[in-house]
Amino acid sequence: MAFTVPSRPYDFTLDPTRVALVVIDMQRDFIEPGGFGDTLGNDVARLTAIVPTVAVLIGLFRKHRLPIVHTREAHKPDLSDCPPAKRLRGKPGLRIGDEGAMGRILIAGEPGNQILPELAPLPGEIAVDKPGKGMFWATGLHETLTEKGITQLVFAGVTTEVCVQTSMREANDRGYECLLIEDATESYFPQFKAGAIEMIVAQGGIVGWVTPLSALEAAFEGALVDG
């Protein structure tokens, strides 16, 4: 039975029969020292700080036996799916495909490309290697979700303004209703996270809804009591 989650810009009606959790790019390359995010000069501690919240959110969906999607930004070892315009942009200490502290940067199968152990997918959960910022590009994920009857997506992960927001916008264009858990997402730049959230909820929720984990937990608990 559907239930209400207090959210911005207005309440979100969540249908447990049609919802999935999407955890974007909680991988070592972005979150741990020595990874790609670190080589770009970012403070990875900001991202590390949300790991416990994301773990609780994943646990909530597992408790209720609801679908979970995990994504990794990952490229083939030969970089055939990494355009030069992406690899050569900027002046990082290491580029995509270079050998880093945890193997080759953002390459599928490398140690640094793995999802953090405490958030790792369980058997039966969907794991997607995506070569782009958005989760639908060259992944077949939309078809998988459609087959499962999923029409609503709850989002978490990193970074808010890049891969998370890109994936939400792509999902919105495909007709999904999207709810972002604001304390289960983060950016290296606090002002970018704040700006992305305001863009998501602007104009009556042009991209989707936003709520804290506590509100989602309380809504689930209330639905169980009422049910």
Protein backbone atom coordinates (compact mmCIF):
# COMPACT_ATOMS: atom_id res chain seq x y z
CA MET A 1 0.00 0.00 0.00
CA ALA A 2 1.33 3.45 -0.91
CA PHE A 3 2.24 5.88 1.88
CA THR A 4 3.29 9.50 2.26
CA VAL A 5 6.87 10.67 2.83
CA PRO A 6 7.23 14.29 4.01
CA SER A 7 9.46 15.87 1.35
CA ARG A 8 10.30 19.03 -0.55
CA PRO A 9 8.75 20.68 -2.48
CA TYR A 10 5.70 18.70 -1.33
CA ASP A 11 4.96 15.25 0.04
CA PHE A 12 6.05 12.21 -1.96
CA THR A 13 3.68 9.25 -2.30
CA LEU A 14 5.80 6.10 -2.22
CA ASP A 15 4.48 2.84 -3.64
CA PRO A 16 6.49 -0.11 -2.25
CA THR A 17 5.35 -2.31 -5.14
CA ARG A 18 6.94 0.00 -7.74
CA VAL A 19 9.98 1.54 -6.02
CA ALA A 20 13.71 0.78 -6.10
CA LEU A 21 16.69 2.29 -4.33
CA VAL A 22 19.55 3.56 -6.51
CA VAL A 23 22.96 3.99 -4.85
CA ILE A 24 25.22 5.97 -7.15
CA ASP A 25 28.99 5.36 -7.34
CA MET A 26 29.87 4.64 -3.70
CA GLN A 27 33.18 3.27 -4.94
CA ARG A 28 36.69 3.41 -3.54
CA ASP A 29 38.00 5.57 -6.41
CA PHE A 30 35.77 8.45 -5.28
CA ILE A 31 35.67 8.00 -1.52
CA GLU A 32 39.01 6.67 -0.27
CA PRO A 33 42.40 8.42 -0.07
CA GLY A 34 44.49 7.58 -3.12
CA GLY A 35 41.47 7.26 -5.40
CA PHE A 36 40.50 9.40 -8.36
CA GLY A 37 38.66 11.97 -6.23
CA ASP A 38 41.72 12.39 -4.05
CA THR A 39 44.05 12.80 -7.04
CA LEU A 40 41.83 15.64 -8.26
CA GLY A 41 42.68 17.50 -5.05
CA ASN A 42 39.37 16.95 -3.30
CA ASP A 43 38.68 16.38 0.39
CA VAL A 44 37.28 12.84 0.33
CA ALA A 45 36.34 13.07 4.02
CA ARG A 46 33.11 14.79 3.03
CA LEU A 47 32.06 11.71 1.06
CA THR A 48 33.29 9.25 3.66
CA ALA A 49 31.04 10.92 6.22
CA ILE A 50 27.81 9.75 4.52
CA VAL A 51 28.79 6.07 4.38
CA PRO A 52 26.96 5.14 7.63
CA THR A 53 23.78 6.89 6.44
CA VAL A 54 23.89 5.15 3.08
CA ALA A 55 24.39 1.83 4.88
CA VAL A 56 21.26 2.45 6.99
CA LEU A 57 19.29 3.36 3.87
CA ILE A 58 20.39 0.19 2.09
CA GLY A 59 19.47 -1.79 5.22
CA LEU A 60 16.00 -0.23 5.21
CA PHE A 61 15.34 -1.41 1.65
CA ARG A 62 16.79 -4.85 2.37
CA LYS A 63 14.59 -5.17 5.45
CA HIS A 64 11.51 -4.57 3.32
CA ARG A 65 12.84 -6.74 0.47
CA LEU A 66 12.71 -3.92 -2.04
CA PRO A 67 14.93 -3.76 -5.15
CA ILE A 68 18.33 -2.07 -4.93
CA VAL A 69 20.50 -0.82 -7.79
CA HIS A 70 24.20 -0.10 -7.26
CA THR A 71 26.18 1.82 -9.89
CA ARG A 72 29.89 2.26 -10.53
CA GLU A 73 31.45 4.70 -12.95
CA ALA A 74 33.66 2.23 -14.80
CA HIS A 75 35.40 1.88 -18.13
CA LYS A 76 36.71 -1.05 -20.13
CA PRO A 77 40.43 -1.78 -19.73
CA ASP A 78 41.11 -0.70 -23.32
CA LEU A 79 39.26 2.62 -22.69
CA SER A 80 37.18 2.08 -25.83
CA ASP A 81 34.15 3.44 -23.94
CA CYS A 82 35.99 6.49 -22.57
CA PRO A 83 35.99 9.41 -25.03
CA PRO A 84 39.27 11.36 -25.19
CA ALA A 85 37.33 14.50 -24.30
CA LYS A 86 36.52 12.88 -20.94
CA ARG A 87 39.90 11.33 -20.23
CA LEU A 88 42.02 14.34 -21.19
CA ARG A 89 39.98 17.08 -19.53
CA GLY A 90 41.65 19.17 -16.83
CA LYS A 91 44.99 18.62 -15.09
CA PRO A 92 44.51 15.81 -12.56
CA GLY A 93 47.44 14.07 -10.93
CA LEU A 94 46.24 10.86 -12.56
CA ARG A 95 43.87 10.31 -15.48
CA ILE A 96 41.27 7.63 -16.11
CA GLY A 97 43.13 4.42 -16.92
CA ASP A 98 46.37 5.46 -15.21
CA GLU A 99 47.85 3.29 -12.48
CA GLY A 100 46.90 4.64 -9.06
CA ALA A 101 47.17 3.56 -5.45
CA MET A 102 44.30 1.07 -5.93
CA GLY A 103 44.94 -0.08 -9.48
CA ARG A 104 43.97 1.65 -12.71
CA ILE A 105 41.69 4.64 -12.16
CA LEU A 106 37.98 4.03 -12.95
CA ILE A 107 38.65 0.73 -14.73
CA ALA A 108 36.13 -2.09 -14.25
CA GLY A 109 37.44 -4.87 -12.03
CA GLU A 110 40.25 -2.83 -10.45
CA PRO A 111 40.36 -2.63 -6.63
CA GLY A 112 39.62 1.09 -6.59
CA ASN A 113 36.60 0.63 -8.80
CA GLN A 114 34.86 -1.59 -6.30
CA ILE A 115 31.98 -0.41 -4.14
CA LEU A 116 32.97 0.09 -0.50
CA PRO A 117 32.78 -3.27 1.33
CA GLU A 118 30.24 -2.02 3.87
CA LEU A 119 27.91 -1.00 1.02
CA ALA A 120 28.64 -3.83 -1.40
CA PRO A 121 25.79 -5.41 -3.39
CA LEU A 122 24.32 -8.67 -2.17
CA PRO A 123 23.38 -11.51 -4.52
CA GLY A 124 20.21 -10.60 -6.38
CA GLU A 125 20.80 -6.85 -6.22
CA ILE A 126 21.49 -5.05 -9.49
CA ALA A 127 25.06 -3.81 -10.07
CA VAL A 128 25.66 -1.55 -13.07
CA ASP A 129 28.97 -0.43 -14.58
CA LYS A 130 28.26 2.86 -16.31
CA PRO A 131 30.73 4.57 -18.66
CA GLY A 132 29.04 7.94 -18.28
CA LYS A 133 27.84 10.23 -15.53
CA GLY A 134 24.23 9.08 -15.92
CA MET A 135 23.12 5.57 -15.02
CA PHE A 136 21.18 4.90 -18.22
CA TRP A 137 23.81 5.60 -20.87
CA ALA A 138 25.00 2.32 -22.43
CA THR A 139 23.81 0.20 -19.49
CA GLY A 140 20.39 -1.26 -20.37
CA LEU A 141 19.18 -0.30 -16.89
CA HIS A 142 15.94 1.31 -18.09
CA GLU A 143 14.87 -1.95 -19.71
CA THR A 144 15.70 -3.88 -16.54
CA LEU A 145 13.68 -1.54 -14.36
CA THR A 146 10.78 -1.54 -16.80
CA GLU A 147 10.67 -5.35 -16.75
CA LYS A 148 10.41 -5.21 -12.95
CA GLY A 149 7.58 -2.67 -13.05
CA ILE A 150 9.64 0.03 -11.33
CA THR A 151 8.30 3.57 -11.73
CA GLN A 152 9.77 5.26 -8.64
CA LEU A 153 13.44 5.65 -7.68
CA VAL A 154 14.94 6.66 -4.34
CA PHE A 155 18.44 8.08 -4.83
CA ALA A 156 21.60 8.17 -2.74
CA GLY A 157 25.32 8.38 -3.51
CA VAL A 158 27.95 10.67 -4.96
CA THR A 159 28.47 13.23 -6.13
CA THR A 160 25.23 15.13 -5.76
CA GLU A 161 25.74 17.60 -8.57
CA VAL A 162 27.36 15.25 -11.07
CA CYS A 163 26.43 11.56 -11.29
CA VAL A 164 23.49 11.69 -8.87
CA GLN A 165 21.81 14.70 -10.44
CA THR A 166 22.58 13.49 -13.97
CA SER A 167 20.98 10.12 -13.21
CA MET A 168 17.94 11.79 -11.63
CA ARG A 169 17.45 14.04 -14.64
CA GLU A 170 17.76 11.09 -17.00
CA ALA A 171 15.27 9.15 -14.87
CA ASN A 172 12.86 12.08 -14.85
CA ASP A 173 12.99 12.23 -18.64
CA ARG A 174 12.10 8.53 -18.73
CA GLY A 175 9.05 9.03 -16.55
CA TYR A 176 10.33 7.89 -13.15
CA GLU A 177 9.32 9.70 -9.97
CA CYS A 178 12.57 10.45 -8.13
CA LEU A 179 13.20 11.03 -4.42
CA LEU A 180 16.68 12.06 -3.22
CA ILE A 181 17.75 11.30 0.35
CA GLU A 182 19.61 14.48 1.18
CA ASP A 183 21.85 13.16 3.97
CA ALA A 184 22.73 10.05 1.93
CA THR A 185 24.31 12.09 -0.87
CA GLU A 186 27.34 14.36 -0.89
CA SER A 187 29.70 16.49 -2.92
CA TYR A 188 33.33 17.51 -2.51
CA PHE A 189 31.93 21.06 -2.57
CA PRO A 190 29.13 21.88 -0.10
CA GLN A 191 27.86 24.75 -2.22
CA PHE A 192 27.48 22.41 -5.21
CA LYS A 193 25.39 19.96 -3.18
CA ALA A 194 23.18 22.77 -1.91
CA GLY A 195 22.77 24.20 -5.40
CA ALA A 196 21.95 20.82 -6.94
CA ILE A 197 19.27 20.14 -4.33
CA GLU A 198 17.65 23.51 -4.94
CA MET A 199 17.65 22.83 -8.69
CA ILE A 200 16.01 19.44 -8.13
CA VAL A 201 13.10 20.82 -6.09
CA ALA A 202 12.69 24.11 -7.98
CA GLN A 203 9.52 24.90 -9.92
CA GLY A 204 7.41 22.39 -8.07
CA GLY A 205 9.95 19.57 -8.23
CA ILE A 206 11.15 19.91 -11.81
CA VAL A 207 13.54 16.98 -11.31
CA GLY A 208 12.13 15.34 -8.19
CA TRP A 209 11.68 15.39 -4.44
CA VAL A 210 14.16 15.62 -1.53
CA THR A 211 13.88 14.36 2.04
CA PRO A 212 16.15 13.26 4.93
CA LEU A 213 16.58 9.59 5.80
CA SER A 214 14.77 10.08 9.12
CA ALA A 215 11.60 11.11 7.30
CA LEU A 216 11.75 8.07 5.04
CA GLU A 217 12.35 5.74 7.98
CA ALA A 218 9.43 7.24 9.91
CA ALA A 219 7.16 6.92 6.88
CA PHE A 220 8.05 3.24 6.47
CA GLU A 221 7.46 2.65 10.18
CA GLY A 222 4.13 4.46 10.05
CA ALA A 223 3.04 2.42 7.06
CA LEU A 224 3.83 -0.80 8.92
CA VAL A 225 1.84 0.33 11.97
CA ASP A 226 -1.11 1.46 9.89
CA GLY A 227 -0.97 -1.67 7.77
